[in-house]
Amino acid sequence: MVSHLYKITNKNTGEYYYGKHNGTTQKDYNGKTYWGSGKRIKRQIKKYGVQNFTYEILCIAEADYIFELEKKIVTPELLQDELCLNLDIGGEGS
């Protein structure tokens, strides 16, 4: 299965979120626009509105590769960045 690694950035605050999503686009299986699944990014989007965020596809590849890539990017060190909205290291959830 093909997936992609993405980065969502809040244009107002600079806060960001990394994640993975199935397919090659931001659309989900129902054709709706996908804006991440993490608790903090969902709250941010609700607060600021989607118009204040960018969704950048960083890499498209097989799902296993994207999973490993996310582990390399979303590290314990990254989680220490006050602008990072990820709650867990890559591949571990919200």
PDB file of N, CA and C in Angstrom:
ATOM      1  N   MET A   1       0.837  -1.184   0.000  1.00  0.00           N
ATOM      2  CA  MET A   1       0.000   0.000   0.000  1.00  0.00           C
ATOM      3  C   MET A   1       0.886   1.252   0.000  1.00  0.00           C
ATOM      4  N   VAL A   2       0.508   2.214  -0.790  1.00  0.00           N
ATOM      5  CA  VAL A   2       1.246   3.475  -0.862  1.00  0.00           C
ATOM      6  C   VAL A   2       0.698   4.440   0.184  1.00  0.00           C
ATOM      7  N   SER A   3       1.601   5.132   0.852  1.00  0.00           N
ATOM      8  CA  SER A   3       1.251   6.120   1.874  1.00  0.00           C
ATOM      9  C   SER A   3       2.126   7.355   1.694  1.00  0.00           C
ATOM     10  N   HIS A   4       1.861   8.361   2.510  1.00  0.00           N
ATOM     11  CA  HIS A   4       2.739   9.529   2.482  1.00  0.00           C
ATOM     12  C   HIS A   4       2.981  10.071   3.891  1.00  0.00           C
ATOM     13  N   LEU A   5       4.116  10.720   4.027  1.00  0.00           N
ATOM     14  CA  LEU A   5       4.475  11.432   5.245  1.00  0.00           C
ATOM     15  C   LEU A   5       4.128  12.891   4.997  1.00  0.00           C
ATOM     16  N   TYR A   6       3.486  13.528   5.959  1.00  0.00           N
ATOM     17  CA  TYR A   6       3.082  14.923   5.778  1.00  0.00           C
ATOM     18  C   TYR A   6       3.492  15.767   6.979  1.00  0.00           C
ATOM     19  N   LYS A   7       3.468  17.069   6.753  1.00  0.00           N
ATOM     20  CA  LYS A   7       3.691  18.040   7.820  1.00  0.00           C
ATOM     21  C   LYS A   7       2.591  19.088   7.715  1.00  0.00           C
ATOM     22  N   ILE A   8       1.883  19.294   8.812  1.00  0.00           N
ATOM     23  CA  ILE A   8       0.872  20.342   8.891  1.00  0.00           C
ATOM     24  C   ILE A   8       1.466  21.469   9.718  1.00  0.00           C
ATOM     25  N   THR A   9       1.364  22.687   9.216  1.00  0.00           N
ATOM     26  CA  THR A   9       1.928  23.838   9.918  1.00  0.00           C
ATOM     27  C   THR A   9       0.858  24.908  10.122  1.00  0.00           C
ATOM     28  N   ASN A  10       0.788  25.438  11.334  1.00  0.00           N
ATOM     29  CA  ASN A  10      -0.097  26.548  11.652  1.00  0.00           C
ATOM     30  C   ASN A  10       0.583  27.822  11.158  1.00  0.00           C
ATOM     31  N   LYS A  11      -0.024  28.499  10.206  1.00  0.00           N
ATOM     32  CA  LYS A  11       0.562  29.712   9.613  1.00  0.00           C
ATOM     33  C   LYS A  11       0.650  30.860  10.622  1.00  0.00           C
ATOM     34  N   ASN A  12      -0.179  30.840  11.660  1.00  0.00           N
ATOM     35  CA  ASN A  12      -0.178  31.916  12.652  1.00  0.00           C
ATOM     36  C   ASN A  12       0.868  31.727  13.741  1.00  0.00           C
ATOM     37  N   THR A  13       1.029  30.499  14.189  1.00  0.00           N
ATOM     38  CA  THR A  13       1.883  30.248  15.354  1.00  0.00           C
ATOM     39  C   THR A  13       3.196  29.548  15.027  1.00  0.00           C
ATOM     40  N   GLY A  14       3.268  28.922  13.843  1.00  0.00           N
ATOM     41  CA  GLY A  14       4.458  28.152  13.492  1.00  0.00           C
ATOM     42  C   GLY A  14       4.460  26.749  14.071  1.00  0.00           C
ATOM     43  N   GLU A  15       3.439  26.403  14.840  1.00  0.00           N
ATOM     44  CA  GLU A  15       3.356  25.061  15.401  1.00  0.00           C
ATOM     45  C   GLU A  15       3.139  24.063  14.266  1.00  0.00           C
ATOM     46  N   TYR A  16       3.626  22.841  14.457  1.00  0.00           N
ATOM     47  CA  TYR A  16       3.592  21.867  13.369  1.00  0.00           C
ATOM     48  C   TYR A  16       3.331  20.462  13.885  1.00  0.00           C
ATOM     49  N   TYR A  17       2.925  19.610  12.946  1.00  0.00           N
ATOM     50  CA  TYR A  17       2.584  18.222  13.258  1.00  0.00           C
ATOM     51  C   TYR A  17       3.020  17.345  12.092  1.00  0.00           C
ATOM     52  N   TYR A  18       3.688  16.242  12.394  1.00  0.00           N
ATOM     53  CA  TYR A  18       4.066  15.260  11.380  1.00  0.00           C
ATOM     54  C   TYR A  18       3.165  14.047  11.511  1.00  0.00           C
ATOM     55  N   GLY A  19       2.809  13.456  10.377  1.00  0.00           N
ATOM     56  CA  GLY A  19       2.009  12.248  10.410  1.00  0.00           C
ATOM     57  C   GLY A  19       2.128  11.470   9.120  1.00  0.00           C
ATOM     58  N   LYS A  20       1.447  10.334   9.085  1.00  0.00           N
ATOM     59  CA  LYS A  20       1.415   9.506   7.880  1.00  0.00           C
ATOM     60  C   LYS A  20      -0.043   9.270   7.519  1.00  0.00           C
ATOM     61  N   HIS A  21      -0.278   9.093   6.216  1.00  0.00           N
ATOM     62  CA  HIS A  21      -1.642   8.907   5.730  1.00  0.00           C
ATOM     63  C   HIS A  21      -1.599   7.994   4.522  1.00  0.00           C
ATOM     64  N   ASN A  22      -2.572   7.119   4.408  1.00  0.00           N
ATOM     65  CA  ASN A  22      -2.632   6.219   3.263  1.00  0.00           C
ATOM     66  C   ASN A  22      -2.962   6.985   1.986  1.00  0.00           C
ATOM     67  N   GLY A  23      -2.381   6.547   0.882  1.00  0.00           N
ATOM     68  CA  GLY A  23      -2.632   7.179  -0.402  1.00  0.00           C
ATOM     69  C   GLY A  23      -1.592   8.222  -0.740  1.00  0.00           C
ATOM     70  N   THR A  24      -1.815   8.896  -1.843  1.00  0.00           N
ATOM     71  CA  THR A  24      -0.848   9.881  -2.336  1.00  0.00           C
ATOM     72  C   THR A  24      -1.339  11.317  -2.214  1.00  0.00           C
ATOM     73  N   THR A  25      -2.553  11.499  -1.659  1.00  0.00           N
ATOM     74  CA  THR A  25      -3.106  12.841  -1.523  1.00  0.00           C
ATOM     75  C   THR A  25      -3.636  13.045  -0.108  1.00  0.00           C
ATOM     76  N   GLN A  26      -4.100  14.254   0.148  1.00  0.00           N
ATOM     77  CA  GLN A  26      -4.658  14.609   1.451  1.00  0.00           C
ATOM     78  C   GLN A  26      -6.080  14.065   1.625  1.00  0.00           C
ATOM     79  N   LYS A  27      -6.671  13.559   0.589  1.00  0.00           N
ATOM     80  CA  LYS A  27      -8.041  13.044   0.673  1.00  0.00           C
ATOM     81  C   LYS A  27      -8.068  11.705   1.405  1.00  0.00           C
ATOM     82  N   ASP A  28      -9.143  11.450   2.154  1.00  0.00           N
ATOM     83  CA  ASP A  28      -9.287  10.148   2.793  1.00  0.00           C
ATOM     84  C   ASP A  28     -10.123   9.242   1.901  1.00  0.00           C
ATOM     85  N   TYR A  29     -10.419   8.061   2.372  1.00  0.00           N
ATOM     86  CA  TYR A  29     -11.133   7.085   1.543  1.00  0.00           C
ATOM     87  C   TYR A  29     -12.547   7.526   1.183  1.00  0.00           C
ATOM     88  N   ASN A  30     -13.117   8.473   1.908  1.00  0.00           N
ATOM     89  CA  ASN A  30     -14.447   9.013   1.595  1.00  0.00           C
ATOM     90  C   ASN A  30     -14.379  10.255   0.703  1.00  0.00           C
ATOM     91  N   GLY A  31     -13.159  10.655   0.343  1.00  0.00           N
ATOM     92  CA  GLY A  31     -12.992  11.851  -0.475  1.00  0.00           C
ATOM     93  C   GLY A  31     -12.931  13.143   0.313  1.00  0.00           C
ATOM     94  N   LYS A  32     -12.967  13.032   1.639  1.00  0.00           N
ATOM     95  CA  LYS A  32     -12.874  14.225   2.484  1.00  0.00           C
ATOM     96  C   LYS A  32     -11.410  14.614   2.657  1.00  0.00           C
ATOM     97  N   THR A  33     -11.167  15.888   2.921  1.00  0.00           N
ATOM     98  CA  THR A  33      -9.809  16.370   3.152  1.00  0.00           C
ATOM     99  C   THR A  33      -9.352  15.947   4.545  1.00  0.00           C
ATOM    100  N   TYR A  34      -8.178  15.338   4.606  1.00  0.00           N
ATOM    101  CA  TYR A  34      -7.627  14.792   5.851  1.00  0.00           C
ATOM    102  C   TYR A  34      -6.711  15.820   6.512  1.00  0.00           C
ATOM    103  N   TRP A  35      -6.927  16.074   7.802  1.00  0.00           N
ATOM    104  CA  TRP A  35      -6.122  17.040   8.546  1.00  0.00           C
ATOM    105  C   TRP A  35      -5.481  16.431   9.777  1.00  0.00           C
ATOM    106  N   GLY A  36      -5.072  15.176   9.708  1.00  0.00           N
ATOM    107  CA  GLY A  36      -4.355  14.566  10.815  1.00  0.00           C
ATOM    108  C   GLY A  36      -5.278  13.945  11.839  1.00  0.00           C
ATOM    109  N   SER A  37      -4.671  13.117  12.699  1.00  0.00           N
ATOM    110  CA  SER A  37      -5.470  12.409  13.701  1.00  0.00           C
ATOM    111  C   SER A  37      -5.038  12.710  15.130  1.00  0.00           C
ATOM    112  N   GLY A  38      -3.974  13.464  15.305  1.00  0.00           N
ATOM    113  CA  GLY A  38      -3.503  13.772  16.649  1.00  0.00           C
ATOM    114  C   GLY A  38      -4.428  14.723  17.391  1.00  0.00           C
ATOM    115  N   LYS A  39      -4.513  14.530  18.702  1.00  0.00           N
ATOM    116  CA  LYS A  39      -5.399  15.346  19.532  1.00  0.00           C
ATOM    117  C   LYS A  39      -5.066  16.834  19.450  1.00  0.00           C
ATOM    118  N   ARG A  40      -3.778  17.153  19.532  1.00  0.00           N
ATOM    119  CA  ARG A  40      -3.383  18.567  19.555  1.00  0.00           C
ATOM    120  C   ARG A  40      -3.604  19.244  18.207  1.00  0.00           C
ATOM    121  N   ILE A  41      -3.317  18.538  17.101  1.00  0.00           N
ATOM    122  CA  ILE A  41      -3.528  19.164  15.793  1.00  0.00           C
ATOM    123  C   ILE A  41      -5.025  19.341  15.530  1.00  0.00           C
ATOM    124  N   LYS A  42      -5.834  18.410  15.962  1.00  0.00           N
ATOM    125  CA  LYS A  42      -7.282  18.555  15.790  1.00  0.00           C
ATOM    126  C   LYS A  42      -7.813  19.771  16.547  1.00  0.00           C
ATOM    127  N   ARG A  43      -7.311  19.966  17.782  1.00  0.00           N
ATOM    128  CA  ARG A  43      -7.736  21.138  18.574  1.00  0.00           C
ATOM    129  C   ARG A  43      -7.302  22.431  17.907  1.00  0.00           C
ATOM    130  N   GLN A  44      -6.076  22.431  17.374  1.00  0.00           N
ATOM    131  CA  GLN A  44      -5.556  23.624  16.696  1.00  0.00           C
ATOM    132  C   GLN A  44      -6.414  23.979  15.484  1.00  0.00           C
ATOM    133  N   ILE A  45      -6.737  22.985  14.675  1.00  0.00           N
ATOM    134  CA  ILE A  45      -7.523  23.235  13.470  1.00  0.00           C
ATOM    135  C   ILE A  45      -8.920  23.723  13.831  1.00  0.00           C
ATOM    136  N   LYS A  46      -9.496  23.162  14.876  1.00  0.00           N
ATOM    137  CA  LYS A  46     -10.804  23.630  15.331  1.00  0.00           C
ATOM    138  C   LYS A  46     -10.724  25.086  15.800  1.00  0.00           C
ATOM    139  N   LYS A  47      -9.666  25.432  16.493  1.00  0.00           N
ATOM    140  CA  LYS A  47      -9.498  26.783  17.038  1.00  0.00           C
ATOM    141  C   LYS A  47      -9.217  27.825  15.959  1.00  0.00           C
ATOM    142  N   TYR A  48      -8.292  27.514  15.026  1.00  0.00           N
ATOM    143  CA  TYR A  48      -7.840  28.495  14.042  1.00  0.00           C
ATOM    144  C   TYR A  48      -8.512  28.378  12.676  1.00  0.00           C
ATOM    145  N   GLY A  49      -9.111  27.213  12.375  1.00  0.00           N
ATOM    146  CA  GLY A  49      -9.712  26.990  11.058  1.00  0.00           C
ATOM    147  C   GLY A  49      -8.685  26.487  10.056  1.00  0.00           C
ATOM    148  N   VAL A  50      -9.118  25.618   9.145  1.00  0.00           N
ATOM    149  CA  VAL A  50      -8.192  24.996   8.192  1.00  0.00           C
ATOM    150  C   VAL A  50      -7.487  26.003   7.295  1.00  0.00           C
ATOM    151  N   GLN A  51      -8.099  27.160   7.067  1.00  0.00           N
ATOM    152  CA  GLN A  51      -7.480  28.169   6.204  1.00  0.00           C
ATOM    153  C   GLN A  51      -6.167  28.697   6.774  1.00  0.00           C
ATOM    154  N   ASN A  52      -5.902  28.444   8.036  1.00  0.00           N
ATOM    155  CA  ASN A  52      -4.677  28.915   8.679  1.00  0.00           C
ATOM    156  C   ASN A  52      -3.611  27.835   8.801  1.00  0.00           C
ATOM    157  N   PHE A  53      -3.749  26.763   8.024  1.00  0.00           N
ATOM    158  CA  PHE A  53      -2.796  25.658   8.051  1.00  0.00           C
ATOM    159  C   PHE A  53      -2.351  25.284   6.650  1.00  0.00           C
ATOM    160  N   THR A  54      -1.131  24.777   6.577  1.00  0.00           N
ATOM    161  CA  THR A  54      -0.648  24.194   5.329  1.00  0.00           C
ATOM    162  C   THR A  54      -0.481  22.697   5.547  1.00  0.00           C
ATOM    163  N   TYR A  55      -0.686  21.941   4.495  1.00  0.00           N
ATOM    164  CA  TYR A  55      -0.518  20.487   4.516  1.00  0.00           C
ATOM    165  C   TYR A  55       0.500  20.184   3.434  1.00  0.00           C
ATOM    166  N   GLU A  56       1.669  19.767   3.852  1.00  0.00           N
ATOM    167  CA  GLU A  56       2.780  19.530   2.929  1.00  0.00           C
ATOM    168  C   GLU A  56       3.104  18.039   2.882  1.00  0.00           C
ATOM    169  N   ILE A  57       3.039  17.449   1.698  1.00  0.00           N
ATOM    170  CA  ILE A  57       3.420  16.049   1.537  1.00  0.00           C
ATOM    171  C   ILE A  57       4.939  16.008   1.373  1.00  0.00           C
ATOM    172  N   LEU A  58       5.604  15.314   2.284  1.00  0.00           N
ATOM    173  CA  LEU A  58       7.061  15.270   2.312  1.00  0.00           C
ATOM    174  C   LEU A  58       7.635  14.085   1.545  1.00  0.00           C
ATOM    175  N   CYS A  59       6.907  12.958   1.543  1.00  0.00           N
ATOM    176  CA  CYS A  59       7.411  11.756   0.882  1.00  0.00           C
ATOM    177  C   CYS A  59       6.243  10.817   0.594  1.00  0.00           C
ATOM    178  N   ILE A  60       6.254  10.216  -0.598  1.00  0.00           N
ATOM    179  CA  ILE A  60       5.279   9.193  -0.968  1.00  0.00           C
ATOM    180  C   ILE A  60       6.053   7.908  -1.211  1.00  0.00           C
ATOM    181  N   ALA A  61       5.618   6.829  -0.561  1.00  0.00           N
ATOM    182  CA  ALA A  61       6.324   5.543  -0.697  1.00  0.00           C
ATOM    183  C   ALA A  61       5.440   4.439  -0.123  1.00  0.00           C
ATOM    184  N   GLU A  62       5.974   3.237  -0.099  1.00  0.00           N
ATOM    185  CA  GLU A  62       5.265   2.123   0.513  1.00  0.00           C
ATOM    186  C   GLU A  62       5.060   2.415   2.001  1.00  0.00           C
ATOM    187  N   ALA A  63       3.953   1.926   2.546  1.00  0.00           N
ATOM    188  CA  ALA A  63       3.565   2.227   3.928  1.00  0.00           C
ATOM    189  C   ALA A  63       4.656   1.879   4.939  1.00  0.00           C
ATOM    190  N   ASP A  64       5.334   0.754   4.758  1.00  0.00           N
ATOM    191  CA  ASP A  64       6.386   0.360   5.705  1.00  0.00           C
ATOM    192  C   ASP A  64       7.517   1.384   5.739  1.00  0.00           C
ATOM    193  N   TYR A  65       7.879   1.903   4.578  1.00  0.00           N
ATOM    194  CA  TYR A  65       8.943   2.906   4.509  1.00  0.00           C
ATOM    195  C   TYR A  65       8.494   4.199   5.198  1.00  0.00           C
ATOM    196  N   ILE A  66       7.263   4.622   4.950  1.00  0.00           N
ATOM    197  CA  ILE A  66       6.742   5.852   5.561  1.00  0.00           C
ATOM    198  C   ILE A  66       6.690   5.701   7.080  1.00  0.00           C
ATOM    199  N   PHE A  67       6.297   4.544   7.566  1.00  0.00           N
ATOM    200  CA  PHE A  67       6.254   4.270   8.995  1.00  0.00           C
ATOM    201  C   PHE A  67       7.642   4.435   9.606  1.00  0.00           C
ATOM    202  N   GLU A  68       8.657   3.868   8.957  1.00  0.00           N
ATOM    203  CA  GLU A  68      10.035   3.975   9.451  1.00  0.00           C
ATOM    204  C   GLU A  68      10.550   5.408   9.360  1.00  0.00           C
ATOM    205  N   LEU A  69      10.189   6.100   8.308  1.00  0.00           N
ATOM    206  CA  LEU A  69      10.613   7.490   8.144  1.00  0.00           C
ATOM    207  C   LEU A  69      10.025   8.367   9.244  1.00  0.00           C
ATOM    208  N   GLU A  70       8.768   8.145   9.564  1.00  0.00           N
ATOM    209  CA  GLU A  70       8.147   8.915  10.642  1.00  0.00           C
ATOM    210  C   GLU A  70       8.868   8.668  11.965  1.00  0.00           C
ATOM    211  N   LYS A  71       9.290   7.432  12.206  1.00  0.00           N
ATOM    212  CA  LYS A  71      10.046   7.126  13.425  1.00  0.00           C
ATOM    213  C   LYS A  71      11.351   7.908  13.493  1.00  0.00           C
ATOM    214  N   LYS A  72      11.989   8.118  12.343  1.00  0.00           N
ATOM    215  CA  LYS A  72      13.262   8.842  12.300  1.00  0.00           C
ATOM    216  C   LYS A  72      13.077  10.347  12.488  1.00  0.00           C
ATOM    217  N   ILE A  73      11.922  10.865  12.094  1.00  0.00           N
ATOM    218  CA  ILE A  73      11.680  12.309  12.176  1.00  0.00           C
ATOM    219  C   ILE A  73      11.079  12.707  13.522  1.00  0.00           C
ATOM    220  N   VAL A  74      10.058  11.988  13.961  1.00  0.00           N
ATOM    221  CA  VAL A  74       9.364  12.346  15.204  1.00  0.00           C
ATOM    222  C   VAL A  74      10.033  11.598  16.356  1.00  0.00           C
ATOM    223  N   THR A  75      11.100  12.197  16.850  1.00  0.00           N
ATOM    224  CA  THR A  75      11.945  11.618  17.888  1.00  0.00           C
ATOM    225  C   THR A  75      11.633  12.251  19.254  1.00  0.00           C
ATOM    226  N   PRO A  76      12.135  11.663  20.321  1.00  0.00           N
ATOM    227  CA  PRO A  76      11.959  12.297  21.634  1.00  0.00           C
ATOM    228  C   PRO A  76      12.498  13.732  21.654  1.00  0.00           C
ATOM    229  N   GLU A  77      13.568  13.974  20.916  1.00  0.00           N
ATOM    230  CA  GLU A  77      14.137  15.331  20.863  1.00  0.00           C
ATOM    231  C   GLU A  77      13.170  16.303  20.192  1.00  0.00           C
ATOM    232  N   LEU A  78      12.525  15.867  19.111  1.00  0.00           N
ATOM    233  CA  LEU A  78      11.567  16.732  18.418  1.00  0.00           C
ATOM    234  C   LEU A  78      10.400  17.067  19.335  1.00  0.00           C
ATOM    235  N   LEU A  79       9.965  16.101  20.120  1.00  0.00           N
ATOM    236  CA  LEU A  79       8.833  16.328  21.022  1.00  0.00           C
ATOM    237  C   LEU A  79       9.136  17.396  22.074  1.00  0.00           C
ATOM    238  N   GLN A  80      10.404  17.677  22.311  1.00  0.00           N
ATOM    239  CA  GLN A  80      10.800  18.721  23.258  1.00  0.00           C
ATOM    240  C   GLN A  80      10.628  20.122  22.680  1.00  0.00           C
ATOM    241  N   ASP A  81      10.514  20.224  21.348  1.00  0.00           N
ATOM    242  CA  ASP A  81      10.318  21.520  20.695  1.00  0.00           C
ATOM    243  C   ASP A  81       8.926  22.037  21.052  1.00  0.00           C
ATOM    244  N   GLU A  82       8.846  23.227  21.627  1.00  0.00           N
ATOM    245  CA  GLU A  82       7.553  23.764  22.058  1.00  0.00           C
ATOM    246  C   GLU A  82       6.582  23.999  20.903  1.00  0.00           C
ATOM    247  N   LEU A  83       7.077  24.052  19.677  1.00  0.00           N
ATOM    248  CA  LEU A  83       6.207  24.236  18.521  1.00  0.00           C
ATOM    249  C   LEU A  83       5.663  22.917  17.964  1.00  0.00           C
ATOM    250  N   CYS A  84       6.212  21.813  18.418  1.00  0.00           N
ATOM    251  CA  CYS A  84       5.803  20.491  17.928  1.00  0.00           C
ATOM    252  C   CYS A  84       4.479  20.081  18.576  1.00  0.00           C
ATOM    253  N   LEU A  85       3.500  19.707  17.749  1.00  0.00           N
ATOM    254  CA  LEU A  85       2.193  19.293  18.241  1.00  0.00           C
ATOM    255  C   LEU A  85       2.059  17.780  18.396  1.00  0.00           C
ATOM    256  N   ASN A  86       3.054  17.024  17.952  1.00  0.00           N
ATOM    257  CA  ASN A  86       3.013  15.570  18.139  1.00  0.00           C
ATOM    258  C   ASN A  86       3.133  15.262  19.622  1.00  0.00           C
ATOM    259  N   LEU A  87       2.423  14.247  20.075  1.00  0.00           N
ATOM    260  CA  LEU A  87       2.469  13.835  21.474  1.00  0.00           C
ATOM    261  C   LEU A  87       3.353  12.637  21.717  1.00  0.00           C
ATOM    262  N   ASP A  88       3.521  11.808  20.693  1.00  0.00           N
ATOM    263  CA  ASP A  88       4.292  10.572  20.820  1.00  0.00           C
ATOM    264  C   ASP A  88       5.346  10.498  19.720  1.00  0.00           C
ATOM    265  N   ILE A  89       6.369   9.694  19.957  1.00  0.00           N
ATOM    266  CA  ILE A  89       7.380   9.489  18.930  1.00  0.00           C
ATOM    267  C   ILE A  89       6.744   8.835  17.707  1.00  0.00           C
ATOM    268  N   GLY A  90       7.381   8.959  16.576  1.00  0.00           N
ATOM    269  CA  GLY A  90       6.852   8.451  15.315  1.00  0.00           C
ATOM    270  C   GLY A  90       6.369   7.025  15.383  1.00  0.00           C
ATOM    271  N   GLY A  91       5.181   6.791  14.832  1.00  0.00           N
ATOM    272  CA  GLY A  91       4.636   5.462  14.761  1.00  0.00           C
ATOM    273  C   GLY A  91       3.932   4.982  16.023  1.00  0.00           C
ATOM    274  N   GLU A  92       3.807   5.847  17.029  1.00  0.00           N
ATOM    275  CA  GLU A  92       3.264   5.400  18.307  1.00  0.00           C
ATOM    276  C   GLU A  92       1.910   5.982  18.656  1.00  0.00           C
ATOM    277  N   GLY A  93       1.313   6.771  17.784  1.00  0.00           N
ATOM    278  CA  GLY A  93      -0.023   7.275  18.104  1.00  0.00           C
ATOM    279  C   GLY A  93      -0.180   8.752  17.923  1.00  0.00           C
ATOM    280  N   SER A  94      -0.933   9.378  18.794  1.00  0.00           N
ATOM    281  CA  SER A  94      -1.346  10.769  18.695  1.00  0.00           C
ATOM    282  C   SER A  94      -0.174  11.714  18.656  1.00  0.00           C
TER     283      SER A  94
END
